[in-house]
Amino acid sequence: MFRFTRFATEGDIPAWSIVNVAVSTIGTVLIAIAIGRRIGRWKRWTFERDDTFLVLFVAVLAANSAISYPYLKEVVMSPAGMFYAAALFIAVRDVLQSVRRHPSARVAWLAVPLLVISTGWTLRAATLVESLRASAFVNRNDWAVAEDREDAVRPQWRSRHPDAERLVRQLRREVVDMPVPQPFTMPRWTRTWIDPY
């Protein structure tokens, strides 16, 4: 689902969605610039170590895109996401080395996108932690009522192996006894800036 497009058509774009699109766009532009600077060398079949990562990123992105065409699911793009991170590292390092070699007015106009991208990816990393906390809370609650639900659904004549019953009881006890912070304790501003998906 293209959430940003949906939010835009509905006229209400949350801050976290703007952050996601902004940092991805800036990152992709930086990668495109890094590739553009090397493409002449690639045509002569001259590759350095960083070039191979960038070529692999483009190849894996194309392959993942082709695979996701008939089977649309975000996890299909995960390998390309890993190579995206490596390609972005190379692109940002190229920018920083360029600034070091030519310290001038470039620093001012490069500082803003680098600040936006570093802040945005930090927020996106915090999103992962918040998602894990919310999942832990939901899973803990599911385990807390799992035995009651199974007794209601499972026919009385069918019983599991005693070892399986013991394992389920042990897992349930460990999960229910584990302290998990409630999502309701998070500050309200996080709902605006942290991606709930």
Protein backbone atom coordinates (compact mmCIF):
# COMPACT_ATOMS: atom_id res chain seq x y z
CA MET A 1 0.00 0.00 0.00
CA PHE A 2 1.36 3.40 -0.95
CA ARG A 3 0.50 5.08 2.35
CA PHE A 4 2.02 8.46 1.54
CA THR A 5 -0.07 8.72 -1.64
CA ARG A 6 -3.19 7.73 0.28
CA PHE A 7 -2.48 10.27 3.01
CA ALA A 8 -1.87 12.96 0.37
CA THR A 9 -5.16 12.23 -1.42
CA GLU A 10 -7.00 12.31 1.92
CA GLY A 11 -5.32 15.64 2.75
CA ASP A 12 -3.76 14.56 6.05
CA ILE A 13 -0.09 13.52 5.88
CA PRO A 14 1.38 12.49 9.24
CA ALA A 15 4.85 13.77 10.14
CA TRP A 16 6.36 10.26 10.21
CA SER A 17 5.29 9.67 6.60
CA ILE A 18 6.92 12.92 5.47
CA VAL A 19 10.12 11.90 7.30
CA ASN A 20 10.12 8.46 5.63
CA VAL A 21 9.64 9.89 2.14
CA ALA A 22 12.14 12.74 2.69
CA VAL A 23 14.99 10.55 3.93
CA SER A 24 14.38 7.88 1.30
CA THR A 25 14.31 10.50 -1.46
CA ILE A 26 17.49 12.23 -0.26
CA GLY A 27 19.22 8.86 0.15
CA THR A 28 18.18 7.73 -3.33
CA VAL A 29 19.37 11.00 -4.88
CA LEU A 30 22.76 10.64 -3.15
CA ILE A 31 23.06 7.06 -4.42
CA ALA A 32 22.11 8.17 -7.95
CA ILE A 33 24.82 10.88 -7.83
CA ALA A 34 27.39 8.32 -6.63
CA ILE A 35 26.44 5.97 -9.47
CA GLY A 36 26.45 8.82 -11.99
CA ARG A 37 30.03 9.74 -11.04
CA ARG A 38 31.20 6.16 -11.59
CA ILE A 39 29.24 5.17 -14.68
CA GLY A 40 32.00 6.26 -17.10
CA ARG A 41 34.46 3.99 -15.31
CA TRP A 42 31.95 1.12 -15.40
CA LYS A 43 31.59 1.43 -19.16
CA ARG A 44 35.31 0.70 -19.40
CA TRP A 45 34.81 -2.32 -17.09
CA THR A 46 36.94 -0.75 -14.37
CA PHE A 47 35.57 -1.49 -10.93
CA GLU A 48 36.78 -0.62 -7.46
CA ARG A 49 35.47 -2.28 -4.30
CA ASP A 50 32.77 0.35 -3.73
CA ASP A 51 31.66 0.04 -7.35
CA THR A 52 30.83 -3.62 -6.85
CA PHE A 53 28.50 -2.76 -3.95
CA LEU A 54 26.72 -0.15 -6.04
CA VAL A 55 26.39 -2.50 -9.02
CA LEU A 56 25.10 -5.24 -6.71
CA PHE A 57 22.57 -2.79 -5.25
CA VAL A 58 21.24 -1.91 -8.71
CA ALA A 59 21.12 -5.61 -9.73
CA VAL A 60 19.40 -6.78 -6.54
CA LEU A 61 16.95 -3.86 -6.67
CA ALA A 62 16.01 -4.80 -10.26
CA ALA A 63 15.67 -8.48 -9.36
CA ASN A 64 13.59 -7.78 -6.24
CA SER A 65 11.38 -5.41 -8.20
CA ALA A 66 10.79 -8.06 -10.85
CA ILE A 67 9.97 -10.66 -8.18
CA SER A 68 7.62 -8.29 -6.35
CA TYR A 69 5.65 -7.57 -9.54
CA PRO A 70 3.65 -10.82 -9.43
CA TYR A 71 3.93 -11.19 -5.63
CA LEU A 72 3.57 -7.81 -3.97
CA LYS A 73 4.88 -7.94 -0.42
CA GLU A 74 7.35 -5.60 1.29
CA VAL A 75 9.58 -8.43 2.55
CA VAL A 76 10.45 -9.29 -1.06
CA MET A 77 12.43 -6.03 -1.16
CA SER A 78 14.43 -6.85 2.00
CA PRO A 79 17.61 -7.97 0.17
CA ALA A 80 17.56 -4.74 -1.84
CA GLY A 81 17.10 -2.85 1.43
CA MET A 82 20.31 -4.33 2.79
CA PHE A 83 22.22 -3.28 -0.32
CA TYR A 84 20.48 0.12 -0.18
CA ALA A 85 22.09 0.69 3.22
CA ALA A 86 25.54 -0.24 1.86
CA ALA A 87 25.04 1.97 -1.22
CA LEU A 88 23.87 4.88 0.94
CA PHE A 89 26.95 4.52 3.14
CA ILE A 90 29.17 4.75 0.04
CA ALA A 91 27.22 7.75 -1.29
CA VAL A 92 27.38 9.69 1.99
CA ARG A 93 31.08 8.90 2.37
CA ASP A 94 31.66 10.20 -1.18
CA VAL A 95 29.89 13.44 -0.25
CA LEU A 96 31.97 13.87 2.90
CA GLN A 97 35.22 13.16 1.04
CA SER A 98 34.21 15.65 -1.64
CA VAL A 99 33.64 18.33 1.02
CA ARG A 100 37.03 17.54 2.58
CA ARG A 101 38.77 17.91 -0.79
CA HIS A 102 36.95 21.12 -1.73
CA PRO A 103 35.97 23.00 1.45
CA SER A 104 33.90 25.91 0.20
CA ALA A 105 30.28 26.94 -0.07
CA ARG A 106 29.46 23.27 -0.74
CA VAL A 107 29.54 22.63 2.98
CA ALA A 108 26.52 24.84 3.59
CA TRP A 109 24.23 23.25 1.01
CA LEU A 110 25.36 19.71 1.84
CA ALA A 111 24.95 20.12 5.59
CA VAL A 112 21.16 20.45 5.38
CA PRO A 113 20.41 17.20 3.51
CA LEU A 114 22.94 15.31 5.63
CA LEU A 115 21.32 16.66 8.81
CA VAL A 116 17.86 15.72 7.53
CA ILE A 117 18.93 12.24 6.50
CA SER A 118 20.75 11.48 9.77
CA THR A 119 17.89 12.79 11.91
CA GLY A 120 15.30 10.99 9.79
CA TRP A 121 17.07 7.63 9.90
CA THR A 122 17.48 8.02 13.67
CA LEU A 123 13.71 8.45 13.96
CA ARG A 124 13.18 5.43 11.73
CA ALA A 125 15.50 3.38 13.97
CA ALA A 126 13.47 4.49 17.00
CA THR A 127 10.39 3.26 15.14
CA LEU A 128 11.80 -0.26 15.16
CA VAL A 129 12.23 -0.17 18.94
CA GLU A 130 8.69 1.16 19.42
CA SER A 131 7.26 -1.49 17.08
CA LEU A 132 9.04 -4.23 19.02
CA ARG A 133 7.68 -2.86 22.31
CA ALA A 134 4.13 -2.77 20.93
CA SER A 135 4.48 -6.31 19.53
CA ALA A 136 5.83 -7.58 22.85
CA PHE A 137 2.82 -6.10 24.64
CA VAL A 138 0.34 -7.64 22.18
CA ASN A 139 2.06 -11.04 22.22
CA ARG A 140 2.22 -11.07 26.01
CA ASN A 141 -1.52 -10.40 26.19
CA ASP A 142 -2.18 -13.13 23.61
CA TRP A 143 -0.21 -15.65 25.67
CA ALA A 144 -2.03 -14.60 28.82
CA VAL A 145 -5.37 -15.69 27.37
CA ALA A 146 -4.07 -18.44 25.04
CA GLU A 147 -4.88 -21.37 27.34
CA ASP A 148 -8.44 -20.20 27.97
CA ARG A 149 -9.02 -19.65 24.24
CA GLU A 150 -7.59 -23.09 23.36
CA ASP A 151 -9.82 -24.78 25.93
CA ALA A 152 -12.84 -23.10 24.38
CA VAL A 153 -11.88 -23.97 20.80
CA ARG A 154 -10.29 -27.43 21.26
CA PRO A 155 -12.69 -30.35 21.52
CA GLN A 156 -12.61 -32.02 24.93
CA TRP A 157 -11.87 -35.48 23.47
CA ARG A 158 -8.63 -34.37 21.82
CA SER A 159 -5.65 -33.89 24.10
CA ARG A 160 -2.03 -33.07 23.39
CA HIS A 161 1.01 -34.99 24.48
CA PRO A 162 1.89 -34.28 28.15
CA ASP A 163 5.30 -32.86 27.15
CA ALA A 164 3.63 -30.45 24.74
CA GLU A 165 1.19 -29.35 27.44
CA ARG A 166 4.10 -28.82 29.84
CA LEU A 167 6.03 -26.78 27.24
CA VAL A 168 3.02 -24.57 26.51
CA ARG A 169 2.47 -23.93 30.22
CA GLN A 170 6.17 -23.09 30.69
CA LEU A 171 6.23 -20.71 27.73
CA ARG A 172 3.02 -19.05 28.90
CA ARG A 173 4.38 -18.61 32.44
CA GLU A 174 7.68 -17.11 31.18
CA VAL A 175 5.95 -14.68 28.82
CA VAL A 176 3.30 -13.57 31.31
CA ASP A 177 5.89 -13.07 34.08
CA MET A 178 8.18 -11.02 31.83
CA PRO A 179 7.85 -7.26 32.45
CA VAL A 180 6.76 -5.51 29.24
CA PRO A 181 6.19 -1.74 29.09
CA GLN A 182 2.73 -0.73 28.00
CA PRO A 183 2.50 1.28 24.76
CA PHE A 184 0.25 3.75 26.58
CA THR A 185 3.23 4.99 28.59
CA MET A 186 4.94 6.42 25.49
CA PRO A 187 4.78 10.21 25.18
CA ARG A 188 2.04 11.54 22.88
CA TRP A 189 4.50 13.21 20.47
CA THR A 190 5.75 9.77 19.43
CA ARG A 191 2.40 9.06 17.76
CA THR A 192 3.12 11.93 15.38
CA TRP A 193 6.76 11.19 14.60
CA ILE A 194 7.11 7.40 14.90
CA ASP A 195 5.81 5.18 12.08
CA PRO A 196 3.14 2.83 13.52
CA TYR A 197 3.48 0.42 10.60
